[in-house]
């Protein structure tokens, strides 16, 4: 007869010590007389014997649960519009929606309208500034170029720069929005 501590037995069967505690509560582990150690062979046999629902106590519990009638779902009570209950429900729904919005704000899933408007204006200003820069820097160079292939290449290069600037600005705007959200929370 092999005897082990509960934690050693848990490792033996690849389970957490809390699982061993549950098995003890359900009488599926054989303990020594002092109750501090596990009799390994007897416990393994008992676990195996009760694994498939063969434990009569468990079977009886499941049988009584099956015989009990299922709980009926409560139906929503029809409430007349204009009644006190109607307005209480409306008030509670608004409170719940407000809490949900506050959670979303705290998690960074939603943002304040003023912050979004500010960032949209900033993105628009960045776009306008980069387009103006594109015009100011390429117009003089385009006017002196006679080869259309070189003009096309110059415009493609400048548009690539413009695209890079705009693409980089969107993540920055999101970081600023999230940073502003954390400061407001």
Foldseek 3Di string as FASTA:
>chain_A
DDKAFLCVLCVVVVHHSVVSVVCVVVVLFDADPVRGIGDNPSSVVSCVCPVVPNPPVSVVVVVVVVPDDDDDDDDDDDDDPPDPVNVVVVVVVVVVVVVVVLVCLLVLVDFDPVLVVVLVVVLVVLLVVLVVVVCVPLVVVLVPDDDVVVNVVSVVVSVVVSVVSSVVSVVVSSVVRNVVSNVVD
